[in-house]
């Protein structure tokens, strides 16, 4: 495991995902973002999201302090968070707001 600190952006205190900023993260690299310190469980491309905490299957994915998706599967802290494990709920939210 690398002991190099990697820059990960956490936008809002409610967020359960951060964004890899400095470079592509390799599996097993140490991730440090504010109070968070853990190991990346997957390779994570620059600009992509990674879980800051465990997210249960069906749980909300939160970025900017807002819900941006729903976990298709359980996501562990340090895992890549992307279309393979997150359901896009943008369309359903837009339809809900039209009904309100």
C-alpha atoms as a PDB file:
ATOM      1  CA  UNK A   1       0.000   0.000   0.000  1.00  0.00           C
ATOM      2  CA  UNK A   2       1.228   3.471  -0.843  1.00  0.00           C
ATOM      3  CA  UNK A   3       1.582   5.984   1.975  1.00  0.00           C
ATOM      4  CA  UNK A   4       1.255   8.940  -0.428  1.00  0.00           C
ATOM      5  CA  UNK A   5      -1.593  11.279   0.441  1.00  0.00           C
ATOM      6  CA  UNK A   6      -4.087  11.838  -2.348  1.00  0.00           C
ATOM      7  CA  UNK A   7      -6.253  14.932  -2.724  1.00  0.00           C
ATOM      8  CA  UNK A   8      -9.965  14.138  -2.680  1.00  0.00           C
ATOM      9  CA  UNK A   9     -12.566  16.889  -2.692  1.00  0.00           C
ATOM     10  CA  UNK A  10     -15.486  16.664  -0.278  1.00  0.00           C
ATOM     11  CA  UNK A  11     -17.931  19.400  -1.285  1.00  0.00           C
ATOM     12  CA  UNK A  12     -20.477  19.300   1.539  1.00  0.00           C
ATOM     13  CA  UNK A  13     -20.509  17.887   5.062  1.00  0.00           C
ATOM     14  CA  UNK A  14     -23.522  15.673   4.198  1.00  0.00           C
ATOM     15  CA  UNK A  15     -21.750  14.076   1.210  1.00  0.00           C
ATOM     16  CA  UNK A  16     -21.040  10.361   1.259  1.00  0.00           C
ATOM     17  CA  UNK A  17     -18.877  10.580  -1.867  1.00  0.00           C
ATOM     18  CA  UNK A  18     -15.738  12.546  -2.652  1.00  0.00           C
ATOM     19  CA  UNK A  19     -14.063  13.384  -5.953  1.00  0.00           C
ATOM     20  CA  UNK A  20     -10.572  12.263  -6.949  1.00  0.00           C
ATOM     21  CA  UNK A  21      -8.830  15.481  -7.950  1.00  0.00           C
ATOM     22  CA  UNK A  22      -5.096  15.156  -8.106  1.00  0.00           C
ATOM     23  CA  UNK A  23      -4.603  12.069 -10.272  1.00  0.00           C
ATOM     24  CA  UNK A  24      -5.978   8.653 -11.041  1.00  0.00           C
ATOM     25  CA  UNK A  25      -6.098   6.689  -7.802  1.00  0.00           C
ATOM     26  CA  UNK A  26      -4.698   3.187  -7.790  1.00  0.00           C
ATOM     27  CA  UNK A  27      -6.246   0.350  -5.857  1.00  0.00           C
ATOM     28  CA  UNK A  28      -4.787   0.257  -2.315  1.00  0.00           C
ATOM     29  CA  UNK A  29      -3.648   3.903  -2.332  1.00  0.00           C
ATOM     30  CA  UNK A  30      -4.205   5.875   0.843  1.00  0.00           C
ATOM     31  CA  UNK A  31      -6.953   8.477   0.473  1.00  0.00           C
ATOM     32  CA  UNK A  32      -6.935  11.494   2.773  1.00  0.00           C
ATOM     33  CA  UNK A  33      -9.690  14.107   2.617  1.00  0.00           C
ATOM     34  CA  UNK A  34     -10.312  16.237   5.674  1.00  0.00           C
ATOM     35  CA  UNK A  35     -11.211  13.879   8.514  1.00  0.00           C
ATOM     36  CA  UNK A  36     -11.390  10.896   6.150  1.00  0.00           C
ATOM     37  CA  UNK A  37      -8.497   8.481   5.775  1.00  0.00           C
ATOM     38  CA  UNK A  38      -8.922   5.098   4.079  1.00  0.00           C
ATOM     39  CA  UNK A  39      -7.674   2.937   1.238  1.00  0.00           C
ATOM     40  CA  UNK A  40      -9.065   3.069  -2.307  1.00  0.00           C
ATOM     41  CA  UNK A  41     -10.622  -0.330  -3.052  1.00  0.00           C
ATOM     42  CA  UNK A  42     -10.701   0.235  -6.828  1.00  0.00           C
ATOM     43  CA  UNK A  43      -8.771   2.239  -9.387  1.00  0.00           C
ATOM     44  CA  UNK A  44     -10.551   5.617  -9.559  1.00  0.00           C
ATOM     45  CA  UNK A  45     -10.058   8.001 -12.482  1.00  0.00           C
ATOM     46  CA  UNK A  46      -9.468  11.691 -11.844  1.00  0.00           C
ATOM     47  CA  UNK A  47     -12.787  13.494 -11.513  1.00  0.00           C
ATOM     48  CA  UNK A  48     -14.710  10.357 -10.542  1.00  0.00           C
ATOM     49  CA  UNK A  49     -16.456   9.725  -7.252  1.00  0.00           C
ATOM     50  CA  UNK A  50     -15.471   7.367  -4.463  1.00  0.00           C
ATOM     51  CA  UNK A  51     -17.430   6.377  -1.371  1.00  0.00           C
ATOM     52  CA  UNK A  52     -16.449   8.154   1.855  1.00  0.00           C
ATOM     53  CA  UNK A  53     -18.508   5.687   3.874  1.00  0.00           C
ATOM     54  CA  UNK A  54     -20.398   2.471   3.249  1.00  0.00           C
ATOM     55  CA  UNK A  55     -23.597   3.011   1.249  1.00  0.00           C
ATOM     56  CA  UNK A  56     -26.256   0.303   1.544  1.00  0.00           C
ATOM     57  CA  UNK A  57     -27.952  -1.145  -1.527  1.00  0.00           C
ATOM     58  CA  UNK A  58     -30.858   1.193  -2.244  1.00  0.00           C
ATOM     59  CA  UNK A  59     -29.219   3.955  -0.190  1.00  0.00           C
ATOM     60  CA  UNK A  60     -28.847   7.501  -1.417  1.00  0.00           C
ATOM     61  CA  UNK A  61     -25.641   8.756  -3.016  1.00  0.00           C
ATOM     62  CA  UNK A  62     -25.090  12.316  -1.808  1.00  0.00           C
ATOM     63  CA  UNK A  63     -22.905  14.960  -3.486  1.00  0.00           C
ATOM     64  CA  UNK A  64     -23.191  18.766  -3.059  1.00  0.00           C
ATOM     65  CA  UNK A  65     -25.277  17.926   0.025  1.00  0.00           C
ATOM     66  CA  UNK A  66     -27.999  16.660  -2.342  1.00  0.00           C
ATOM     67  CA  UNK A  67     -29.178  13.226  -3.479  1.00  0.00           C
ATOM     68  CA  UNK A  68     -27.708  12.470  -6.903  1.00  0.00           C
ATOM     69  CA  UNK A  69     -28.485   8.768  -7.210  1.00  0.00           C
ATOM     70  CA  UNK A  70     -29.424   5.490  -5.578  1.00  0.00           C
ATOM     71  CA  UNK A  71     -26.977   2.647  -4.941  1.00  0.00           C
ATOM     72  CA  UNK A  72     -27.755  -0.357  -7.199  1.00  0.00           C
ATOM     73  CA  UNK A  73     -25.609  -2.522  -4.933  1.00  0.00           C
ATOM     74  CA  UNK A  74     -23.916  -2.086  -1.566  1.00  0.00           C
ATOM     75  CA  UNK A  75     -20.923   0.242  -1.989  1.00  0.00           C
ATOM     76  CA  UNK A  76     -18.016   0.016   0.443  1.00  0.00           C
ATOM     77  CA  UNK A  77     -15.983   2.956   1.679  1.00  0.00           C
ATOM     78  CA  UNK A  78     -13.173   3.468  -0.839  1.00  0.00           C
ATOM     79  CA  UNK A  79     -15.010   1.983  -3.830  1.00  0.00           C
ATOM     80  CA  UNK A  80     -15.454   3.718  -7.184  1.00  0.00           C
ATOM     81  CA  UNK A  81     -18.949   5.241  -7.383  1.00  0.00           C
ATOM     82  CA  UNK A  82     -20.188   5.440 -10.973  1.00  0.00           C
ATOM     83  CA  UNK A  83     -22.831   4.160 -13.394  1.00  0.00           C
ATOM     84  CA  UNK A  84     -21.980   0.518 -12.657  1.00  0.00           C
ATOM     85  CA  UNK A  85     -23.251   0.813  -9.073  1.00  0.00           C
ATOM     86  CA  UNK A  86     -25.469   3.936  -9.025  1.00  0.00           C
ATOM     87  CA  UNK A  87     -28.929   4.399 -10.515  1.00  0.00           C
ATOM     88  CA  UNK A  88     -29.455   7.833 -12.054  1.00  0.00           C
ATOM     89  CA  UNK A  89     -32.583   9.314 -10.490  1.00  0.00           C
ATOM     90  CA  UNK A  90     -32.499  12.661 -12.313  1.00  0.00           C
ATOM     91  CA  UNK A  91     -35.483  11.841 -14.527  1.00  0.00           C
ATOM     92  CA  UNK A  92     -37.652  10.564 -11.676  1.00  0.00           C
ATOM     93  CA  UNK A  93     -36.830  13.647  -9.563  1.00  0.00           C
ATOM     94  CA  UNK A  94     -37.719  15.946 -12.470  1.00  0.00           C
ATOM     95  CA  UNK A  95     -41.063  14.171 -12.925  1.00  0.00           C
ATOM     96  CA  UNK A  96     -41.790  14.404  -9.192  1.00  0.00           C
ATOM     97  CA  UNK A  97     -41.131  18.149  -9.170  1.00  0.00           C
ATOM     98  CA  UNK A  98     -43.550  18.600 -12.125  1.00  0.00           C
ATOM     99  CA  UNK A  99     -46.290  16.888 -10.103  1.00  0.00           C
ATOM    100  CA  UNK A 100     -45.739  19.185  -7.108  1.00  0.00           C
END
